[in-house]
Amino acid sequence: MTRSRLFLDSSALFAGVASGTGPARALLLLAEAGIVEIVVSEQIVVETEHALARALPHALGPFREALRRTGLRIQRPPSPDAVRVRAALVRRAGDVPILVATIHAKVDYFVTLDRRHFIDDPRIAMRAGLRIGTPGDALAWVRTQSASRQPTPCASAS
């Protein structure tokens, strides 16, 4: 069975580590169970670590442990040329490398809590060729994908 591949931005990764419950946490648990594959960029790891250090320094240890347990794949940063070519994809220049890394990772879903810069502008998903949504949206999508991959029971011959 092919696992769904999800790219988490720093807001989704932060939420998954900082909360004991919720969709972002559920996605990390699904990755631990080998049901989904989580991909992030080096930039995401650094951003998340900095945000945790500021807001929840006690969560840095669990964050590093979550990186290990989930088998999280870290995508190399895109080249400056790749970023420059795709600069028009999003309004904020700092978001371009994240979106380009997501595209290069060839994932099934880009998971973010950033409505303003990613979710609320449907043109971004269309231009980038990505499904983009919240952890809750991604979790619902993963569930439908898993359900559609389940073998259908055969009718017993009588």
Protein backbone atom coordinates (compact mmCIF):
# COMPACT_ATOMS: atom_id res chain seq x y z
CA MET A 1 0.00 0.00 0.00
CA THR A 2 1.33 3.43 -0.95
CA ARG A 3 1.51 5.87 1.94
CA SER A 4 0.18 9.38 1.57
CA ARG A 5 3.00 11.94 1.64
CA LEU A 6 2.36 15.15 3.55
CA PHE A 7 4.51 18.27 3.69
CA LEU A 8 4.05 20.10 7.00
CA ASP A 9 4.95 23.75 7.35
CA SER A 10 6.23 25.09 10.66
CA SER A 11 2.77 26.05 11.93
CA ALA A 12 1.45 22.51 11.44
CA LEU A 13 4.59 20.88 12.83
CA PHE A 14 4.52 23.21 15.85
CA ALA A 15 0.85 22.36 16.48
CA GLY A 16 1.57 18.63 16.24
CA VAL A 17 4.35 18.81 18.80
CA ALA A 18 2.83 21.42 21.13
CA SER A 19 -0.56 19.75 21.51
CA GLY A 20 -1.35 16.34 22.91
CA THR A 21 -4.49 16.17 20.78
CA GLY A 22 -5.85 17.57 17.55
CA PRO A 23 -5.42 16.86 13.86
CA ALA A 24 -1.77 17.96 13.63
CA ARG A 25 -0.89 15.58 16.46
CA ALA A 26 -2.92 12.82 14.78
CA LEU A 27 -0.88 13.28 11.58
CA LEU A 28 2.35 12.83 13.53
CA LEU A 29 0.95 9.71 15.19
CA LEU A 30 -0.06 8.33 11.78
CA ALA A 31 3.51 8.91 10.63
CA GLU A 32 4.83 7.05 13.69
CA ALA A 33 2.55 4.15 12.77
CA GLY A 34 3.88 4.17 9.19
CA ILE A 35 0.51 5.11 7.69
CA VAL A 36 1.62 8.45 6.24
CA GLU A 37 5.00 9.91 5.40
CA ILE A 38 5.83 13.38 6.69
CA VAL A 39 8.16 15.61 4.71
CA VAL A 40 9.53 18.98 5.79
CA SER A 41 12.31 21.25 4.61
CA GLU A 42 15.37 22.22 6.59
CA GLN A 43 13.83 25.69 6.85
CA ILE A 44 10.73 24.21 8.52
CA VAL A 45 12.81 22.37 11.11
CA VAL A 46 14.73 25.56 11.97
CA GLU A 47 11.58 27.73 12.09
CA THR A 48 9.76 25.23 14.30
CA GLU A 49 12.71 24.83 16.64
CA HIS A 50 13.00 28.63 17.03
CA ALA A 51 9.25 29.01 17.66
CA LEU A 52 9.32 26.25 20.27
CA ALA A 53 12.39 27.75 21.96
CA ARG A 54 10.53 31.05 22.32
CA ALA A 55 7.07 29.78 23.25
CA LEU A 56 7.54 26.31 24.76
CA PRO A 57 11.20 25.61 25.51
CA HIS A 58 10.23 22.45 27.42
CA ALA A 59 8.89 21.04 24.12
CA LEU A 60 12.28 21.05 22.34
CA GLY A 61 13.13 17.56 23.59
CA PRO A 62 9.76 16.09 22.52
CA PHE A 63 10.14 17.91 19.17
CA ARG A 64 13.48 16.26 18.47
CA GLU A 65 12.07 12.91 19.60
CA ALA A 66 9.06 13.39 17.28
CA LEU A 67 11.41 14.02 14.36
CA ARG A 68 13.08 10.69 15.07
CA ARG A 69 9.94 8.65 15.81
CA THR A 70 7.97 9.81 12.79
CA GLY A 71 10.71 8.92 10.32
CA LEU A 72 10.22 12.45 9.04
CA ARG A 73 11.99 13.10 5.74
CA ILE A 74 13.89 16.39 5.55
CA GLN A 75 13.88 17.94 2.08
CA ARG A 76 16.97 19.87 1.02
CA PRO A 77 16.42 23.57 0.43
CA PRO A 78 15.56 24.59 -3.11
CA SER A 79 18.22 26.33 -5.16
CA PRO A 80 18.12 30.12 -5.37
CA ASP A 81 17.33 29.75 -9.09
CA ALA A 82 14.33 27.51 -8.35
CA VAL A 83 13.08 30.04 -5.80
CA ARG A 84 13.56 32.94 -8.22
CA VAL A 85 11.66 31.16 -11.02
CA ARG A 86 8.67 30.51 -8.72
CA ALA A 87 8.75 33.87 -6.88
CA ALA A 88 5.31 34.85 -8.19
CA LEU A 89 3.57 31.86 -6.58
CA VAL A 90 2.98 33.61 -3.25
CA ARG A 91 2.97 37.20 -2.03
CA ARG A 92 5.45 36.84 0.82
CA ALA A 93 9.03 36.26 -0.33
CA GLY A 94 9.81 34.16 2.77
CA ASP A 95 7.12 31.65 1.82
CA VAL A 96 8.48 30.97 -1.66
CA PRO A 97 11.25 28.55 -0.56
CA ILE A 98 8.71 26.60 1.50
CA LEU A 99 6.33 26.26 -1.42
CA VAL A 100 9.14 25.34 -3.82
CA ALA A 101 10.44 22.71 -1.38
CA THR A 102 6.90 21.33 -1.17
CA ILE A 103 6.65 21.11 -4.96
CA HIS A 104 10.06 19.44 -5.24
CA ALA A 105 9.13 16.90 -2.57
CA LYS A 106 6.28 15.62 -4.79
CA VAL A 107 3.90 15.27 -1.87
CA ASP A 108 0.19 14.57 -1.91
CA TYR A 109 -0.76 17.38 0.48
CA PHE A 110 0.71 20.63 1.84
CA VAL A 111 -0.39 21.00 5.47
CA THR A 112 -0.44 24.47 7.03
CA LEU A 113 -2.33 26.61 9.49
CA ASP A 114 -1.38 29.74 7.54
CA ARG A 115 -4.73 30.71 6.07
CA ARG A 116 -3.73 34.20 5.08
CA HIS A 117 -0.69 33.28 3.00
CA PHE A 118 -1.62 29.84 1.67
CA ILE A 119 -5.13 28.50 2.24
CA ASP A 120 -7.33 31.52 1.55
CA ASP A 121 -5.82 32.09 -1.90
CA PRO A 122 -6.96 29.16 -4.08
CA ARG A 123 -4.74 30.40 -6.92
CA ILE A 124 -1.68 29.22 -5.00
CA ALA A 125 -2.84 25.60 -4.96
CA MET A 126 -3.77 25.81 -8.63
CA ARG A 127 -0.48 27.44 -9.72
CA ALA A 128 1.62 25.10 -7.60
CA GLY A 129 -0.40 21.98 -8.45
CA LEU A 130 -0.87 21.15 -4.76
CA ARG A 131 -3.61 20.23 -2.36
CA ILE A 132 -3.32 22.76 0.45
CA GLY A 133 -5.21 22.69 3.73
CA THR A 134 -5.18 22.64 7.50
CA PRO A 135 -4.15 19.60 9.52
CA GLY A 136 -7.87 18.81 9.89
CA ASP A 137 -8.38 18.99 6.12
CA ALA A 138 -5.34 16.78 5.53
CA LEU A 139 -6.47 14.26 8.15
CA ALA A 140 -9.89 14.00 6.49
CA TRP A 141 -8.21 13.55 3.11
CA VAL A 142 -5.89 10.82 4.49
CA ARG A 143 -8.91 9.01 5.91
CA THR A 144 -10.69 9.04 2.53
CA GLN A 145 -7.53 7.82 0.82
CA SER A 146 -7.13 5.01 3.34
CA ALA A 147 -10.77 4.01 2.96
CA SER A 148 -10.52 3.91 -0.82
CA ARG A 149 -7.42 1.66 -0.59
CA GLN A 150 -9.13 -0.90 1.64
CA PRO A 151 -9.93 -4.16 -0.12
CA THR A 152 -13.61 -4.68 -0.64
CA PRO A 153 -15.04 -7.82 0.92
CA CYS A 154 -16.06 -10.46 -1.58
CA ALA A 155 -19.55 -11.84 -1.49
CA SER A 156 -19.46 -15.42 -0.32
CA ALA A 157 -20.51 -17.97 -2.86
CA SER A 158 -23.44 -19.99 -1.62
